[in-house]
C-alpha atoms as a PDB file:
ATOM      1  CA  MET A   1       0.000   0.000   0.000  1.00  0.00           C
ATOM      2  CA  ASN A   2       1.178   3.547  -0.769  1.00  0.00           C
ATOM      3  CA  ARG A   3      -0.469   5.195   2.218  1.00  0.00           C
ATOM      4  CA  HIS A   4       0.519   5.107   5.822  1.00  0.00           C
ATOM      5  CA  ALA A   5      -1.882   4.224   8.584  1.00  0.00           C
ATOM      6  CA  ALA A   6      -2.829   6.659  11.287  1.00  0.00           C
ATOM      7  CA  PRO A   7      -0.548   6.388  14.330  1.00  0.00           C
ATOM      8  CA  PRO A   8      -1.945   4.504  17.323  1.00  0.00           C
ATOM      9  CA  PRO A   9      -3.138   6.537  20.310  1.00  0.00           C
ATOM     10  CA  GLN A  10      -0.308   7.577  22.564  1.00  0.00           C
ATOM     11  CA  ALA A  11      -0.018   5.266  25.551  1.00  0.00           C
ATOM     12  CA  PRO A  12       2.844   6.308  27.862  1.00  0.00           C
ATOM     13  CA  SER A  13       2.346   3.317  30.141  1.00  0.00           C
ATOM     14  CA  ALA A  14       2.904   0.928  27.260  1.00  0.00           C
ATOM     15  CA  ALA A  15       5.882   2.751  25.758  1.00  0.00           C
ATOM     16  CA  ALA A  16       9.155   0.885  25.835  1.00  0.00           C
ATOM     17  CA  VAL A  17      11.048   4.113  26.449  1.00  0.00           C
ATOM     18  CA  PRO A  18       9.545   6.933  28.547  1.00  0.00           C
ATOM     19  CA  GLU A  19       9.087  10.250  26.782  1.00  0.00           C
ATOM     20  CA  PRO A  20       7.170  13.495  27.280  1.00  0.00           C
ATOM     21  CA  THR A  21       3.460  13.563  26.563  1.00  0.00           C
ATOM     22  CA  TYR A  22       2.229  15.357  23.471  1.00  0.00           C
ATOM     23  CA  ALA A  23       0.903  18.112  25.743  1.00  0.00           C
ATOM     24  CA  GLU A  24       4.372  18.638  27.260  1.00  0.00           C
ATOM     25  CA  SER A  25       6.039  18.548  23.846  1.00  0.00           C
ATOM     26  CA  ALA A  26       3.566  21.065  22.424  1.00  0.00           C
ATOM     27  CA  ARG A  27       4.048  23.353  25.415  1.00  0.00           C
ATOM     28  CA  THR A  28       7.838  23.107  25.058  1.00  0.00           C
ATOM     29  CA  LEU A  29       7.672  23.944  21.368  1.00  0.00           C
ATOM     30  CA  THR A  30       5.581  27.083  21.867  1.00  0.00           C
ATOM     31  CA  HIS A  31       7.876  28.075  24.745  1.00  0.00           C
ATOM     32  CA  LEU A  32      10.910  27.908  22.463  1.00  0.00           C
ATOM     33  CA  GLY A  33       9.260  29.652  19.522  1.00  0.00           C
ATOM     34  CA  ARG A  34       9.197  33.397  18.945  1.00  0.00           C
ATOM     35  CA  ALA A  35       6.933  33.595  15.895  1.00  0.00           C
ATOM     36  CA  GLY A  36       4.394  31.480  14.070  1.00  0.00           C
ATOM     37  CA  SER A  37       1.991  31.537  11.129  1.00  0.00           C
ATOM     38  CA  LEU A  38      -1.373  33.014  12.078  1.00  0.00           C
ATOM     39  CA  ALA A  39      -4.275  31.963   9.857  1.00  0.00           C
ATOM     40  CA  THR A  40      -7.375  34.155  10.149  1.00  0.00           C
ATOM     41  CA  VAL A  41     -10.674  34.106   8.237  1.00  0.00           C
ATOM     42  CA  SER A  42     -10.392  36.496   5.311  1.00  0.00           C
ATOM     43  CA  LEU A  43     -12.718  39.478   5.018  1.00  0.00           C
ATOM     44  CA  LYS A  44     -11.854  40.077   1.381  1.00  0.00           C
ATOM     45  CA  HIS A  45     -12.381  36.444   0.410  1.00  0.00           C
ATOM     46  CA  PRO A  46     -15.008  35.091   2.864  1.00  0.00           C
ATOM     47  CA  GLY A  47     -14.356  31.549   4.027  1.00  0.00           C
ATOM     48  CA  HIS A  48     -10.731  31.512   2.905  1.00  0.00           C
ATOM     49  CA  PRO A  49      -7.873  31.349   5.440  1.00  0.00           C
ATOM     50  CA  PHE A  50      -5.431  34.260   5.391  1.00  0.00           C
ATOM     51  CA  ALA A  51      -1.992  33.352   6.798  1.00  0.00           C
ATOM     52  CA  SER A  52       0.590  35.835   8.027  1.00  0.00           C
ATOM     53  CA  LEU A  53       3.772  35.878  10.088  1.00  0.00           C
ATOM     54  CA  MET A  54       3.079  36.600  13.754  1.00  0.00           C
ATOM     55  CA  PRO A  55       5.565  37.166  16.606  1.00  0.00           C
ATOM     56  CA  TYR A  56       4.180  36.097  19.962  1.00  0.00           C
ATOM     57  CA  ALA A  57       4.931  35.711  23.642  1.00  0.00           C
ATOM     58  CA  LEU A  58       3.241  33.359  26.108  1.00  0.00           C
ATOM     59  CA  ASP A  59       1.339  33.900  29.313  1.00  0.00           C
ATOM     60  CA  GLU A  60       1.627  31.552  32.297  1.00  0.00           C
ATOM     61  CA  GLN A  61      -0.874  29.135  30.714  1.00  0.00           C
ATOM     62  CA  GLY A  62       0.983  28.937  27.421  1.00  0.00           C
ATOM     63  CA  ARG A  63      -1.560  31.117  25.604  1.00  0.00           C
ATOM     64  CA  PRO A  64       0.047  33.161  22.804  1.00  0.00           C
ATOM     65  CA  LEU A  65       0.026  36.939  23.251  1.00  0.00           C
ATOM     66  CA  LEU A  66       0.002  39.056  20.086  1.00  0.00           C
ATOM     67  CA  LEU A  67       0.820  42.728  19.576  1.00  0.00           C
ATOM     68  CA  ILE A  68      -0.883  43.853  16.371  1.00  0.00           C
ATOM     69  CA  SER A  69      -1.836  47.072  14.604  1.00  0.00           C
ATOM     70  CA  THR A  70      -5.350  47.990  13.552  1.00  0.00           C
ATOM     71  CA  MET A  71      -3.929  48.614  10.063  1.00  0.00           C
ATOM     72  CA  ALA A  72      -2.841  44.978   9.671  1.00  0.00           C
ATOM     73  CA  MET A  73      -5.037  42.746   7.540  1.00  0.00           C
ATOM     74  CA  HIS A  74      -5.108  39.984  10.154  1.00  0.00           C
ATOM     75  CA  THR A  75      -6.392  42.472  12.767  1.00  0.00           C
ATOM     76  CA  GLN A  76      -9.223  43.491  10.463  1.00  0.00           C
ATOM     77  CA  ASN A  77     -10.036  39.825   9.924  1.00  0.00           C
ATOM     78  CA  LEU A  78     -10.035  39.091  13.665  1.00  0.00           C
ATOM     79  CA  SER A  79     -12.283  42.048  14.405  1.00  0.00           C
ATOM     80  CA  ALA A  80     -14.927  40.450  12.188  1.00  0.00           C
ATOM     81  CA  ASP A  81     -14.278  36.792  13.081  1.00  0.00           C
ATOM     82  CA  GLY A  82     -12.026  35.785  15.964  1.00  0.00           C
ATOM     83  CA  ARG A  83     -11.543  32.188  14.834  1.00  0.00           C
ATOM     84  CA  ALA A  84      -7.921  31.473  13.938  1.00  0.00           C
ATOM     85  CA  SER A  85      -5.034  29.005  14.075  1.00  0.00           C
ATOM     86  CA  LEU A  86      -1.412  29.587  15.026  1.00  0.00           C
ATOM     87  CA  LEU A  87       1.223  27.217  13.629  1.00  0.00           C
ATOM     88  CA  VAL A  88       4.576  27.058  15.434  1.00  0.00           C
ATOM     89  CA  THR A  89       7.390  24.960  13.966  1.00  0.00           C
ATOM     90  CA  GLN A  90      10.652  23.634  15.384  1.00  0.00           C
ATOM     91  CA  GLN A  91      13.731  25.233  13.873  1.00  0.00           C
ATOM     92  CA  THR A  92      15.847  22.663  12.037  1.00  0.00           C
ATOM     93  CA  LYS A  93      18.604  22.462   9.442  1.00  0.00           C
ATOM     94  CA  GLY A  94      17.384  19.047   8.297  1.00  0.00           C
ATOM     95  CA  ASP A  95      14.127  17.743   6.846  1.00  0.00           C
ATOM     96  CA  PRO A  96      11.364  20.092   8.090  1.00  0.00           C
ATOM     97  CA  LEU A  97       8.863  17.221   8.035  1.00  0.00           C
ATOM     98  CA  ALA A  98      10.990  15.370  10.595  1.00  0.00           C
ATOM     99  CA  ALA A  99      10.836  18.315  12.991  1.00  0.00           C
ATOM    100  CA  GLY A 100       8.139  19.123  15.520  1.00  0.00           C
ATOM    101  CA  ARG A 101       5.249  21.496  14.947  1.00  0.00           C
ATOM    102  CA  VAL A 102       2.089  22.439  16.779  1.00  0.00           C
ATOM    103  CA  THR A 103      -1.160  24.073  15.672  1.00  0.00           C
ATOM    104  CA  LEU A 104      -3.253  25.949  18.224  1.00  0.00           C
ATOM    105  CA  MET A 105      -6.847  26.357  17.062  1.00  0.00           C
ATOM    106  CA  GLY A 106      -9.122  28.761  18.889  1.00  0.00           C
ATOM    107  CA  ASP A 107     -10.424  32.291  19.277  1.00  0.00           C
ATOM    108  CA  VAL A 108      -8.216  35.377  19.235  1.00  0.00           C
ATOM    109  CA  LEU A 109      -9.610  37.986  21.598  1.00  0.00           C
ATOM    110  CA  ALA A 110      -8.534  41.512  22.515  1.00  0.00           C
ATOM    111  CA  VAL A 111      -6.841  41.673  25.919  1.00  0.00           C
ATOM    112  CA  PRO A 112      -8.912  43.670  28.457  1.00  0.00           C
ATOM    113  CA  GLY A 113      -7.409  46.958  29.600  1.00  0.00           C
ATOM    114  CA  SER A 114      -7.188  45.673  33.164  1.00  0.00           C
ATOM    115  CA  GLU A 115      -4.689  43.005  32.031  1.00  0.00           C
ATOM    116  CA  ARG A 116      -2.638  45.168  29.691  1.00  0.00           C
ATOM    117  CA  GLU A 117       0.303  45.932  31.964  1.00  0.00           C
ATOM    118  CA  GLY A 118       0.985  42.292  32.805  1.00  0.00           C
ATOM    119  CA  VAL A 119       0.638  41.261  29.175  1.00  0.00           C
ATOM    120  CA  ARG A 120       2.826  44.174  28.068  1.00  0.00           C
ATOM    121  CA  ALA A 121       5.607  43.101  30.436  1.00  0.00           C
ATOM    122  CA  ALA A 122       5.425  39.468  29.272  1.00  0.00           C
ATOM    123  CA  TYR A 123       5.540  40.499  25.616  1.00  0.00           C
ATOM    124  CA  LEU A 124       8.460  42.896  25.999  1.00  0.00           C
ATOM    125  CA  ALA A 125      10.400  40.280  27.949  1.00  0.00           C
ATOM    126  CA  ARG A 126      10.250  38.163  24.790  1.00  0.00           C
ATOM    127  CA  HIS A 127      10.437  40.932  22.162  1.00  0.00           C
ATOM    128  CA  ALA A 128      12.384  43.841  23.624  1.00  0.00           C
ATOM    129  CA  ASN A 129      12.512  45.696  20.287  1.00  0.00           C
ATOM    130  CA  ALA A 130       8.708  46.069  20.413  1.00  0.00           C
ATOM    131  CA  ALA A 131       9.242  48.776  23.045  1.00  0.00           C
ATOM    132  CA  TYR A 132       9.587  51.228  20.146  1.00  0.00           C
ATOM    133  CA  TRP A 133       5.949  50.786  19.043  1.00  0.00           C
ATOM    134  CA  VAL A 134       4.130  49.001  21.877  1.00  0.00           C
ATOM    135  CA  ASP A 135       2.473  52.218  23.084  1.00  0.00           C
ATOM    136  CA  PHE A 136       1.399  53.537  19.670  1.00  0.00           C
ATOM    137  CA  ASP A 137      -2.327  54.238  19.574  1.00  0.00           C
ATOM    138  CA  ASP A 138      -2.986  51.841  16.691  1.00  0.00           C
ATOM    139  CA  PHE A 139      -1.344  48.859  18.435  1.00  0.00           C
ATOM    140  CA  GLY A 140      -3.125  46.562  20.851  1.00  0.00           C
ATOM    141  CA  PHE A 141      -2.679  43.210  22.570  1.00  0.00           C
ATOM    142  CA  TRP A 142      -4.665  40.133  21.615  1.00  0.00           C
ATOM    143  CA  ARG A 143      -4.572  36.631  23.089  1.00  0.00           C
ATOM    144  CA  VAL A 144      -5.108  33.226  21.508  1.00  0.00           C
ATOM    145  CA  GLU A 145      -7.562  31.164  23.561  1.00  0.00           C
ATOM    146  CA  PRO A 146      -6.891  27.578  22.399  1.00  0.00           C
ATOM    147  CA  LEU A 147      -9.930  25.361  21.871  1.00  0.00           C
ATOM    148  CA  ASP A 148      -7.885  22.438  20.583  1.00  0.00           C
ATOM    149  CA  VAL A 149      -4.246  21.649  19.870  1.00  0.00           C
ATOM    150  CA  TYR A 150      -2.674  19.365  17.264  1.00  0.00           C
ATOM    151  CA  TYR A 151       0.922  18.230  17.770  1.00  0.00           C
ATOM    152  CA  VAL A 152       3.266  16.561  15.282  1.00  0.00           C
ATOM    153  CA  GLY A 153       6.588  15.292  16.601  1.00  0.00           C
ATOM    154  CA  GLY A 154       8.018  14.172  13.258  1.00  0.00           C
ATOM    155  CA  PHE A 155       7.223  11.125  11.173  1.00  0.00           C
ATOM    156  CA  GLY A 156       4.657   8.819  12.795  1.00  0.00           C
ATOM    157  CA  ALA A 157       4.181  10.895  15.974  1.00  0.00           C
ATOM    158  CA  MET A 158       1.052  13.031  15.928  1.00  0.00           C
ATOM    159  CA  GLY A 159      -2.175  13.551  17.790  1.00  0.00           C
ATOM    160  CA  TRP A 160      -4.715  15.936  19.281  1.00  0.00           C
ATOM    161  CA  VAL A 161      -4.102  17.491  22.678  1.00  0.00           C
ATOM    162  CA  ALA A 162      -6.988  18.815  24.777  1.00  0.00           C
ATOM    163  CA  ALA A 163      -6.668  22.543  25.384  1.00  0.00           C
ATOM    164  CA  ALA A 164      -6.890  21.999  29.150  1.00  0.00           C
ATOM    165  CA  GLU A 165      -3.999  19.511  29.033  1.00  0.00           C
ATOM    166  CA  TYR A 166      -1.909  21.956  27.016  1.00  0.00           C
ATOM    167  CA  ARG A 167      -2.549  24.793  29.482  1.00  0.00           C
ATOM    168  CA  ALA A 168      -1.699  22.568  32.455  1.00  0.00           C
ATOM    169  CA  ALA A 169       1.554  21.264  30.939  1.00  0.00           C
ATOM    170  CA  GLU A 170       4.975  22.770  31.681  1.00  0.00           C
ATOM    171  CA  PRO A 171       7.850  23.299  29.225  1.00  0.00           C
ATOM    172  CA  ASP A 172      10.589  20.686  29.527  1.00  0.00           C
ATOM    173  CA  PRO A 173      13.284  21.825  32.014  1.00  0.00           C
ATOM    174  CA  LEU A 174      15.958  21.332  29.324  1.00  0.00           C
ATOM    175  CA  ALA A 175      14.071  23.387  26.736  1.00  0.00           C
ATOM    176  CA  ASP A 176      16.245  26.501  26.894  1.00  0.00           C
ATOM    177  CA  VAL A 177      19.537  24.571  26.820  1.00  0.00           C
ATOM    178  CA  SER A 178      18.571  21.720  24.500  1.00  0.00           C
ATOM    179  CA  GLU A 179      20.099  23.294  21.382  1.00  0.00           C
ATOM    180  CA  SER A 180      23.443  23.880  23.094  1.00  0.00           C
ATOM    181  CA  ILE A 181      23.412  20.297  24.429  1.00  0.00           C
ATOM    182  CA  LEU A 182      22.784  18.887  20.944  1.00  0.00           C
ATOM    183  CA  GLU A 183      25.493  21.063  19.399  1.00  0.00           C
ATOM    184  CA  HIS A 184      28.030  20.104  22.076  1.00  0.00           C
ATOM    185  CA  VAL A 185      27.361  16.351  21.980  1.00  0.00           C
ATOM    186  CA  ASN A 186      27.310  16.102  18.172  1.00  0.00           C
ATOM    187  CA  ARG A 187      30.444  18.236  17.799  1.00  0.00           C
ATOM    188  CA  ASP A 188      32.643  16.991  20.630  1.00  0.00           C
ATOM    189  CA  HIS A 189      31.389  13.487  21.406  1.00  0.00           C
ATOM    190  CA  SER A 190      30.411  12.040  18.040  1.00  0.00           C
ATOM    191  CA  GLU A 191      32.625   8.953  18.439  1.00  0.00           C
ATOM    192  CA  ALA A 192      31.259   8.178  21.901  1.00  0.00           C
ATOM    193  CA  LEU A 193      27.742   8.668  20.556  1.00  0.00           C
ATOM    194  CA  LEU A 194      28.455   6.266  17.720  1.00  0.00           C
ATOM    195  CA  SER A 195      29.807   3.633  20.114  1.00  0.00           C
ATOM    196  CA  TYR A 196      26.722   3.972  22.284  1.00  0.00           C
ATOM    197  CA  ALA A 197      24.435   3.655  19.239  1.00  0.00           C
ATOM    198  CA  ARG A 198      26.139   0.427  18.176  1.00  0.00           C
ATOM    199  CA  VAL A 199      25.621  -1.071  21.630  1.00  0.00           C
ATOM    200  CA  LEU A 200      22.042   0.210  21.799  1.00  0.00           C
ATOM    201  CA  THR A 201      20.993  -1.311  18.466  1.00  0.00           C
ATOM    202  CA  ALA A 202      23.499  -4.180  18.177  1.00  0.00           C
ATOM    203  CA  GLU A 203      24.026  -3.030  14.574  1.00  0.00           C
ATOM    204  CA  PRO A 204      27.096  -1.730  12.680  1.00  0.00           C
ATOM    205  CA  VAL A 205      25.864   1.878  12.774  1.00  0.00           C
ATOM    206  CA  GLU A 206      27.949   4.207  10.599  1.00  0.00           C
ATOM    207  CA  GLU A 207      26.614   7.559  11.734  1.00  0.00           C
ATOM    208  CA  ALA A 208      24.790   8.705  14.861  1.00  0.00           C
ATOM    209  CA  THR A 209      23.338  12.168  15.441  1.00  0.00           C
ATOM    210  CA  MET A 210      21.450  13.351  18.507  1.00  0.00           C
ATOM    211  CA  VAL A 211      18.367  15.182  17.250  1.00  0.00           C
ATOM    212  CA  SER A 212      16.436  15.902  20.461  1.00  0.00           C
ATOM    213  CA  VAL A 213      16.842  15.757  24.222  1.00  0.00           C
ATOM    214  CA  ASP A 214      14.462  16.189  27.150  1.00  0.00           C
ATOM    215  CA  ARG A 215      14.323  15.406  30.852  1.00  0.00           C
ATOM    216  CA  ARG A 216      13.571  11.720  30.230  1.00  0.00           C
ATOM    217  CA  GLY A 217      15.979  10.855  27.448  1.00  0.00           C
ATOM    218  CA  PHE A 218      17.119  11.650  23.922  1.00  0.00           C
ATOM    219  CA  LYS A 219      16.510  10.639  20.324  1.00  0.00           C
ATOM    220  CA  LEU A 220      19.183   9.560  17.855  1.00  0.00           C
ATOM    221  CA  ARG A 221      19.095   9.492  14.056  1.00  0.00           C
ATOM    222  CA  LEU A 222      21.183   6.537  12.884  1.00  0.00           C
ATOM    223  CA  ARG A 223      22.511   5.669   9.452  1.00  0.00           C
ATOM    224  CA  THR A 224      23.697   2.217   8.411  1.00  0.00           C
ATOM    225  CA  GLY A 225      24.430   2.128   4.710  1.00  0.00           C
ATOM    226  CA  GLU A 226      21.336   3.558   3.020  1.00  0.00           C
ATOM    227  CA  ARG A 227      19.108   2.744   5.968  1.00  0.00           C
ATOM    228  CA  VAL A 228      18.154   5.599   8.275  1.00  0.00           C
ATOM    229  CA  GLN A 229      16.268   5.063  11.523  1.00  0.00           C
ATOM    230  CA  ALA A 230      15.444   6.903  14.722  1.00  0.00           C
ATOM    231  CA  VAL A 231      15.786   5.401  18.196  1.00  0.00           C
ATOM    232  CA  ARG A 232      15.083   6.813  21.624  1.00  0.00           C
ATOM    233  CA  ALA A 233      17.275   6.182  24.655  1.00  0.00           C
ATOM    234  CA  PRO A 234      16.142   6.773  28.248  1.00  0.00           C
ATOM    235  CA  PHE A 235      18.207   8.498  30.897  1.00  0.00           C
ATOM    236  CA  PRO A 236      18.892   6.431  34.053  1.00  0.00           C
ATOM    237  CA  ARG A 237      16.805   9.047  35.879  1.00  0.00           C
ATOM    238  CA  GLU A 238      15.009  12.267  35.002  1.00  0.00           C
ATOM    239  CA  VAL A 239      17.278  15.300  34.670  1.00  0.00           C
ATOM    240  CA  ALA A 240      16.480  18.965  35.193  1.00  0.00           C
ATOM    241  CA  SER A 241      19.641  20.815  34.099  1.00  0.00           C
ATOM    242  CA  ALA A 242      22.517  20.695  31.641  1.00  0.00           C
ATOM    243  CA  GLU A 243      24.825  19.510  34.432  1.00  0.00           C
ATOM    244  CA  GLN A 244      22.545  16.600  35.348  1.00  0.00           C
ATOM    245  CA  CYS A 245      22.198  15.776  31.661  1.00  0.00           C
ATOM    246  CA  ARG A 246      25.978  15.629  31.253  1.00  0.00           C
ATOM    247  CA  ALA A 247      26.319  13.328  34.269  1.00  0.00           C
ATOM    248  CA  ALA A 248      23.643  11.007  32.868  1.00  0.00           C
ATOM    249  CA  PHE A 249      25.382  10.872  29.469  1.00  0.00           C
ATOM    250  CA  ILE A 250      28.706   9.950  31.086  1.00  0.00           C
ATOM    251  CA  GLU A 251      27.066   7.220  33.135  1.00  0.00           C
ATOM    252  CA  MET A 252      25.332   5.748  30.074  1.00  0.00           C
ATOM    253  CA  LEU A 253      28.482   5.816  27.960  1.00  0.00           C
ATOM    254  CA  ARG A 254      30.474   4.107  30.684  1.00  0.00           C
ATOM    255  CA  GLU A 255      27.897   1.346  30.963  1.00  0.00           C
ATOM    256  CA  ALA A 256      27.867   0.954  27.183  1.00  0.00           C
END
């Protein structure tokens, strides 16, 4: 058959290797992102989606905060119909379809004046350059109220996340240092990583690259000849910092 089947429902208890829930992964991805693609309902072409680039910050529940001008087309669209979707994608130098992405579907509503100062501070903490126009009369804050969330973690990993689960989830504790961890391991410990991959798979792996890391473990992309596969390895215990991550790596490599 030339079509792939839908992935089975996520069942953490049955997983061979522990990993974050889709809610946690989605929350981590929006935490790391700075901009997404906002699709609103077009006024000029009723019923058609109108997509535009949208910087955002997050509030404490992971809801995107937008600073937009009344002159912008998406603001005019939202004023007539608040339904919208925000797509946030994981930055990658490789195949974009192998990277993570999350779509937040919901209503985009103007932030009440009573909440403006708190929202303003959260937005400027993420986008300091917006201080030059944040107080212009034609700019205002809006907030995405997710009604549903769809997460894709790469090939074969995808599913819906209830909005309440997304809001309750926390970003992974390694989120802000994950890129530096990946760069360091792949640059300075490629041979050790390759040795570990060969023990892990019992195969003559020719190339091993760490492509993601979180508090519970990490994912490797392995190449053996023309065959490419992804495997996940668990940490001996959950980690919460780069230092704990380094100690766990050393322990695993020694055992391997």
